[in-house]
């Protein structure tokens, strides 16, 4: 477990996560997050790992992620720019996401159980973005590839191959009010 509130420096936190992945751990927990920016920025790995994030995270979370077998589960919400430029990997957000979620995403999977802000999938060229509770205006603007599923079109089965079954059950994918804005 990495206590984010004690380290506070995103570069040191990210270096510790990278070190843990290199050492072969299969599970990392980032505890006590409180809006820190750039967590998991530029993370690269060729090893499988489950990263659990406790709390809400700040802007540019998992930006430039390039780790095919890494699955990230955020128990809270994320600020603007989640998964910006992601090339590979999977991020599931149990809460809401800010603006430009998946900006310039080239691959991987971003699943948001809550709602997403404006311009979700801006400049997207690949990958999958699934948003359960709706997105703000201009979703998919300038998108040249990839897939975006928003609200009524989202089915938990569409993301099930990228996330453990218990994560899908823990998020409100099958709750009433599909398509309602919760932001």
C-alpha atoms as a PDB file:
ATOM      1  CA  UNK A   1       0.000   0.000   0.000  1.00  0.00           C
ATOM      2  CA  UNK A   2       1.227   3.472  -0.907  1.00  0.00           C
ATOM      3  CA  UNK A   3      -0.062   6.252   1.407  1.00  0.00           C
ATOM      4  CA  UNK A   4      -0.566   9.113  -1.045  1.00  0.00           C
ATOM      5  CA  UNK A   5      -1.377  11.636   1.692  1.00  0.00           C
ATOM      6  CA  UNK A   6       2.002  11.027   3.342  1.00  0.00           C
ATOM      7  CA  UNK A   7       4.170  11.254   0.211  1.00  0.00           C
ATOM      8  CA  UNK A   8       2.254  14.084  -1.513  1.00  0.00           C
ATOM      9  CA  UNK A   9       4.728  14.399  -4.421  1.00  0.00           C
ATOM     10  CA  UNK A  10       3.242  12.795  -7.537  1.00  0.00           C
ATOM     11  CA  UNK A  11       6.662  12.062  -9.059  1.00  0.00           C
ATOM     12  CA  UNK A  12       7.704  10.100  -5.948  1.00  0.00           C
ATOM     13  CA  UNK A  13       4.339   8.313  -5.787  1.00  0.00           C
ATOM     14  CA  UNK A  14       4.569   7.319  -9.451  1.00  0.00           C
ATOM     15  CA  UNK A  15       8.178   6.163  -9.015  1.00  0.00           C
ATOM     16  CA  UNK A  16       7.125   3.975  -6.082  1.00  0.00           C
ATOM     17  CA  UNK A  17       4.288   2.423  -8.120  1.00  0.00           C
ATOM     18  CA  UNK A  18       6.690   1.752 -11.022  1.00  0.00           C
ATOM     19  CA  UNK A  19       9.185   0.184  -8.605  1.00  0.00           C
ATOM     20  CA  UNK A  20       6.478  -2.081  -7.170  1.00  0.00           C
ATOM     21  CA  UNK A  21       5.406  -3.169 -10.655  1.00  0.00           C
ATOM     22  CA  UNK A  22       9.005  -3.938 -11.619  1.00  0.00           C
ATOM     23  CA  UNK A  23       9.405  -6.032  -8.463  1.00  0.00           C
ATOM     24  CA  UNK A  24       6.525  -8.224  -9.635  1.00  0.00           C
ATOM     25  CA  UNK A  25       3.731  -7.355  -7.208  1.00  0.00           C
ATOM     26  CA  UNK A  26       0.288  -8.217  -8.516  1.00  0.00           C
ATOM     27  CA  UNK A  27      -1.689  -5.665  -6.489  1.00  0.00           C
ATOM     28  CA  UNK A  28      -0.992  -2.057  -5.491  1.00  0.00           C
ATOM     29  CA  UNK A  29      -3.294   0.133  -3.417  1.00  0.00           C
ATOM     30  CA  UNK A  30      -3.006   3.928  -3.444  1.00  0.00           C
ATOM     31  CA  UNK A  31      -4.576   4.939  -0.145  1.00  0.00           C
ATOM     32  CA  UNK A  32      -5.989   8.260   1.032  1.00  0.00           C
ATOM     33  CA  UNK A  33      -6.054  10.091  -2.274  1.00  0.00           C
ATOM     34  CA  UNK A  34      -7.450  13.593  -2.038  1.00  0.00           C
ATOM     35  CA  UNK A  35      -7.312  15.310  -5.406  1.00  0.00           C
ATOM     36  CA  UNK A  36      -3.606  14.833  -6.187  1.00  0.00           C
ATOM     37  CA  UNK A  37      -2.740  15.566  -9.802  1.00  0.00           C
ATOM     38  CA  UNK A  38      -0.799  13.420 -12.273  1.00  0.00           C
ATOM     39  CA  UNK A  39      -1.071  10.165 -10.327  1.00  0.00           C
ATOM     40  CA  UNK A  40       0.033   7.203 -12.491  1.00  0.00           C
ATOM     41  CA  UNK A  41       1.190   9.662 -15.162  1.00  0.00           C
ATOM     42  CA  UNK A  42       3.262   7.950 -17.861  1.00  0.00           C
ATOM     43  CA  UNK A  43       3.108   4.539 -16.191  1.00  0.00           C
ATOM     44  CA  UNK A  44       4.550   1.829 -18.424  1.00  0.00           C
ATOM     45  CA  UNK A  45       4.711  -1.838 -17.646  1.00  0.00           C
ATOM     46  CA  UNK A  46       4.756  -5.213 -19.320  1.00  0.00           C
ATOM     47  CA  UNK A  47       3.668  -6.986 -16.129  1.00  0.00           C
ATOM     48  CA  UNK A  48       0.110  -7.587 -15.004  1.00  0.00           C
ATOM     49  CA  UNK A  49      -1.054  -5.700 -11.959  1.00  0.00           C
ATOM     50  CA  UNK A  50      -4.226  -4.564 -10.260  1.00  0.00           C
ATOM     51  CA  UNK A  51      -4.051  -0.986  -8.954  1.00  0.00           C
ATOM     52  CA  UNK A  52      -6.774   0.116  -6.535  1.00  0.00           C
ATOM     53  CA  UNK A  53      -7.163   3.816  -5.809  1.00  0.00           C
ATOM     54  CA  UNK A  54      -8.923   4.904  -2.616  1.00  0.00           C
ATOM     55  CA  UNK A  55     -10.568   8.332  -2.782  1.00  0.00           C
ATOM     56  CA  UNK A  56     -10.893  11.047  -5.407  1.00  0.00           C
ATOM     57  CA  UNK A  57      -8.001  11.887  -7.710  1.00  0.00           C
ATOM     58  CA  UNK A  58      -7.025  15.102  -9.432  1.00  0.00           C
ATOM     59  CA  UNK A  59      -6.347  16.155 -13.012  1.00  0.00           C
ATOM     60  CA  UNK A  60      -4.492  14.026 -15.570  1.00  0.00           C
ATOM     61  CA  UNK A  61      -4.951  10.759 -13.662  1.00  0.00           C
ATOM     62  CA  UNK A  62      -3.412   7.841 -15.616  1.00  0.00           C
ATOM     63  CA  UNK A  63      -2.394  10.193 -18.433  1.00  0.00           C
ATOM     64  CA  UNK A  64      -0.093   8.551 -21.000  1.00  0.00           C
ATOM     65  CA  UNK A  65      -0.755   5.112 -19.432  1.00  0.00           C
ATOM     66  CA  UNK A  66       0.873   2.398 -21.545  1.00  0.00           C
ATOM     67  CA  UNK A  67       0.562  -0.854 -19.623  1.00  0.00           C
ATOM     68  CA  UNK A  68      -1.455  -3.563 -21.372  1.00  0.00           C
ATOM     69  CA  UNK A  69      -1.991  -5.825 -18.383  1.00  0.00           C
ATOM     70  CA  UNK A  70      -2.535  -3.144 -15.755  1.00  0.00           C
ATOM     71  CA  UNK A  71      -6.094  -2.675 -14.480  1.00  0.00           C
ATOM     72  CA  UNK A  72      -6.806   0.447 -12.420  1.00  0.00           C
ATOM     73  CA  UNK A  73      -9.914   0.796 -10.256  1.00  0.00           C
ATOM     74  CA  UNK A  74     -10.733   4.218  -8.770  1.00  0.00           C
ATOM     75  CA  UNK A  75     -13.178   3.962  -5.880  1.00  0.00           C
ATOM     76  CA  UNK A  76     -14.024   7.676  -6.098  1.00  0.00           C
ATOM     77  CA  UNK A  77     -14.196  10.294  -8.836  1.00  0.00           C
ATOM     78  CA  UNK A  78     -11.540  11.787 -11.110  1.00  0.00           C
ATOM     79  CA  UNK A  79     -10.915  15.368 -12.216  1.00  0.00           C
ATOM     80  CA  UNK A  80     -10.289  16.641 -15.758  1.00  0.00           C
ATOM     81  CA  UNK A  81      -8.136  14.742 -18.236  1.00  0.00           C
ATOM     82  CA  UNK A  82      -8.374  11.175 -16.921  1.00  0.00           C
ATOM     83  CA  UNK A  83      -6.587   8.762 -19.286  1.00  0.00           C
ATOM     84  CA  UNK A  84      -5.350  11.589 -21.527  1.00  0.00           C
ATOM     85  CA  UNK A  85      -3.186  10.040 -24.221  1.00  0.00           C
ATOM     86  CA  UNK A  86      -3.645   6.506 -22.860  1.00  0.00           C
ATOM     87  CA  UNK A  87      -2.152   3.902 -25.196  1.00  0.00           C
ATOM     88  CA  UNK A  88      -2.894   0.684 -23.339  1.00  0.00           C
ATOM     89  CA  UNK A  89      -4.355  -0.576 -20.064  1.00  0.00           C
ATOM     90  CA  UNK A  90      -7.725  -0.220 -18.398  1.00  0.00           C
ATOM     91  CA  UNK A  91      -9.143   2.366 -15.981  1.00  0.00           C
ATOM     92  CA  UNK A  92     -12.521   1.951 -14.275  1.00  0.00           C
ATOM     93  CA  UNK A  93     -13.863   4.942 -12.346  1.00  0.00           C
ATOM     94  CA  UNK A  94     -16.632   4.146  -9.846  1.00  0.00           C
ATOM     95  CA  UNK A  95     -17.640   7.824  -9.595  1.00  0.00           C
ATOM     96  CA  UNK A  96     -17.746  10.742 -12.018  1.00  0.00           C
ATOM     97  CA  UNK A  97     -15.101  12.186 -14.336  1.00  0.00           C
ATOM     98  CA  UNK A  98     -14.340  15.811 -15.184  1.00  0.00           C
ATOM     99  CA  UNK A  99     -13.969  17.353 -18.618  1.00  0.00           C
ATOM    100  CA  UNK A 100     -11.928  15.884 -21.505  1.00  0.00           C
ATOM    101  CA  UNK A 101     -11.918  12.305 -20.199  1.00  0.00           C
ATOM    102  CA  UNK A 102      -9.927  10.193 -22.641  1.00  0.00           C
ATOM    103  CA  UNK A 103      -8.511  13.198 -24.505  1.00  0.00           C
ATOM    104  CA  UNK A 104      -6.237  12.002 -27.356  1.00  0.00           C
ATOM    105  CA  UNK A 105      -6.679   8.411 -26.205  1.00  0.00           C
ATOM    106  CA  UNK A 106      -5.031   5.970 -28.631  1.00  0.00           C
ATOM    107  CA  UNK A 107      -5.866   2.634 -26.987  1.00  0.00           C
ATOM    108  CA  UNK A 108      -6.987   0.872 -23.846  1.00  0.00           C
ATOM    109  CA  UNK A 109     -10.294   1.055 -21.999  1.00  0.00           C
ATOM    110  CA  UNK A 110     -11.741   3.867 -19.889  1.00  0.00           C
ATOM    111  CA  UNK A 111     -14.993   3.005 -18.108  1.00  0.00           C
ATOM    112  CA  UNK A 112     -16.832   5.586 -16.001  1.00  0.00           C
ATOM    113  CA  UNK A 113     -19.710   4.340 -13.850  1.00  0.00           C
ATOM    114  CA  UNK A 114     -20.920   7.882 -13.136  1.00  0.00           C
ATOM    115  CA  UNK A 115     -21.087  10.800 -15.558  1.00  0.00           C
ATOM    116  CA  UNK A 116     -18.354  12.522 -17.560  1.00  0.00           C
ATOM    117  CA  UNK A 117     -17.871  16.211 -18.262  1.00  0.00           C
ATOM    118  CA  UNK A 118     -17.677  18.030 -21.574  1.00  0.00           C
ATOM    119  CA  UNK A 119     -15.567  16.930 -24.549  1.00  0.00           C
ATOM    120  CA  UNK A 120     -15.166  13.294 -23.516  1.00  0.00           C
ATOM    121  CA  UNK A 121     -13.077  11.521 -26.150  1.00  0.00           C
ATOM    122  CA  UNK A 122     -11.749  14.742 -27.725  1.00  0.00           C
ATOM    123  CA  UNK A 123      -9.168  13.875 -30.443  1.00  0.00           C
ATOM    124  CA  UNK A 124      -9.517  10.168 -29.673  1.00  0.00           C
ATOM    125  CA  UNK A 125      -7.857   7.806 -32.183  1.00  0.00           C
ATOM    126  CA  UNK A 126      -8.369   4.386 -30.552  1.00  0.00           C
ATOM    127  CA  UNK A 127      -9.568   2.435 -27.546  1.00  0.00           C
ATOM    128  CA  UNK A 128     -12.938   2.298 -25.796  1.00  0.00           C
ATOM    129  CA  UNK A 129     -14.617   4.860 -23.551  1.00  0.00           C
ATOM    130  CA  UNK A 130     -17.811   3.740 -21.795  1.00  0.00           C
ATOM    131  CA  UNK A 131     -19.770   6.247 -19.672  1.00  0.00           C
ATOM    132  CA  UNK A 132     -22.779   4.985 -17.732  1.00  0.00           C
ATOM    133  CA  UNK A 133     -24.540   8.173 -16.576  1.00  0.00           C
ATOM    134  CA  UNK A 134     -24.138  10.513 -19.533  1.00  0.00           C
ATOM    135  CA  UNK A 135     -21.566  13.027 -20.726  1.00  0.00           C
ATOM    136  CA  UNK A 136     -21.460  16.763 -21.283  1.00  0.00           C
ATOM    137  CA  UNK A 137     -21.588  18.508 -24.623  1.00  0.00           C
ATOM    138  CA  UNK A 138     -19.241  17.864 -27.536  1.00  0.00           C
ATOM    139  CA  UNK A 139     -18.464  14.235 -26.660  1.00  0.00           C
ATOM    140  CA  UNK A 140     -16.298  12.668 -29.337  1.00  0.00           C
ATOM    141  CA  UNK A 141     -15.345  15.988 -30.898  1.00  0.00           C
ATOM    142  CA  UNK A 142     -12.632  15.516 -33.562  1.00  0.00           C
ATOM    143  CA  UNK A 143     -12.596  11.769 -32.857  1.00  0.00           C
ATOM    144  CA  UNK A 144     -10.754   9.862 -35.601  1.00  0.00           C
ATOM    145  CA  UNK A 145     -11.051   6.345 -34.209  1.00  0.00           C
ATOM    146  CA  UNK A 146     -11.942   4.239 -31.211  1.00  0.00           C
ATOM    147  CA  UNK A 147     -15.373   3.710 -29.671  1.00  0.00           C
ATOM    148  CA  UNK A 148     -17.395   5.851 -27.284  1.00  0.00           C
ATOM    149  CA  UNK A 149     -20.475   4.440 -25.543  1.00  0.00           C
ATOM    150  CA  UNK A 150     -22.515   6.894 -23.511  1.00  0.00           C
ATOM    151  CA  UNK A 151     -25.513   6.299 -21.218  1.00  0.00           C
ATOM    152  CA  UNK A 152     -28.217   4.110 -22.751  1.00  0.00           C
ATOM    153  CA  UNK A 153     -25.774   2.343 -25.061  1.00  0.00           C
ATOM    154  CA  UNK A 154     -23.468   1.192 -22.251  1.00  0.00           C
ATOM    155  CA  UNK A 155     -23.661  -2.444 -21.304  1.00  0.00           C
ATOM    156  CA  UNK A 156     -21.486  -3.929 -18.559  1.00  0.00           C
ATOM    157  CA  UNK A 157     -20.645  -6.770 -20.943  1.00  0.00           C
ATOM    158  CA  UNK A 158     -18.861  -4.284 -23.222  1.00  0.00           C
ATOM    159  CA  UNK A 159     -16.141  -3.737 -20.620  1.00  0.00           C
ATOM    160  CA  UNK A 160     -16.280  -7.067 -18.782  1.00  0.00           C
ATOM    161  CA  UNK A 161     -13.281  -8.560 -20.574  1.00  0.00           C
ATOM    162  CA  UNK A 162     -11.051  -5.746 -19.254  1.00  0.00           C
ATOM    163  CA  UNK A 163     -12.062  -5.726 -15.575  1.00  0.00           C
ATOM    164  CA  UNK A 164     -12.476  -8.341 -12.847  1.00  0.00           C
ATOM    165  CA  UNK A 165     -16.094  -9.400 -12.358  1.00  0.00           C
ATOM    166  CA  UNK A 166     -16.166  -8.085  -8.769  1.00  0.00           C
ATOM    167  CA  UNK A 167     -15.295  -4.588  -9.999  1.00  0.00           C
ATOM    168  CA  UNK A 168     -18.219  -4.600 -12.399  1.00  0.00           C
ATOM    169  CA  UNK A 169     -20.534  -5.700  -9.554  1.00  0.00           C
ATOM    170  CA  UNK A 170     -19.162  -2.993  -7.218  1.00  0.00           C
ATOM    171  CA  UNK A 171     -19.997  -0.176  -9.626  1.00  0.00           C
ATOM    172  CA  UNK A 172     -23.547   0.966 -10.436  1.00  0.00           C
ATOM    173  CA  UNK A 173     -23.669  -0.330 -14.044  1.00  0.00           C
ATOM    174  CA  UNK A 174     -27.011  -2.025 -13.505  1.00  0.00           C
ATOM    175  CA  UNK A 175     -28.640   0.541 -11.237  1.00  0.00           C
ATOM    176  CA  UNK A 176     -31.936   2.308 -12.041  1.00  0.00           C
ATOM    177  CA  UNK A 177     -31.936   5.641 -13.825  1.00  0.00           C
ATOM    178  CA  UNK A 178     -29.724   4.721 -16.758  1.00  0.00           C
ATOM    179  CA  UNK A 179     -28.817   7.854 -18.653  1.00  0.00           C
ATOM    180  CA  UNK A 180     -29.587  10.346 -15.869  1.00  0.00           C
ATOM    181  CA  UNK A 181     -26.986  12.976 -15.121  1.00  0.00           C
ATOM    182  CA  UNK A 182     -25.592  12.640 -11.595  1.00  0.00           C
ATOM    183  CA  UNK A 183     -23.088  15.495 -11.682  1.00  0.00           C
END
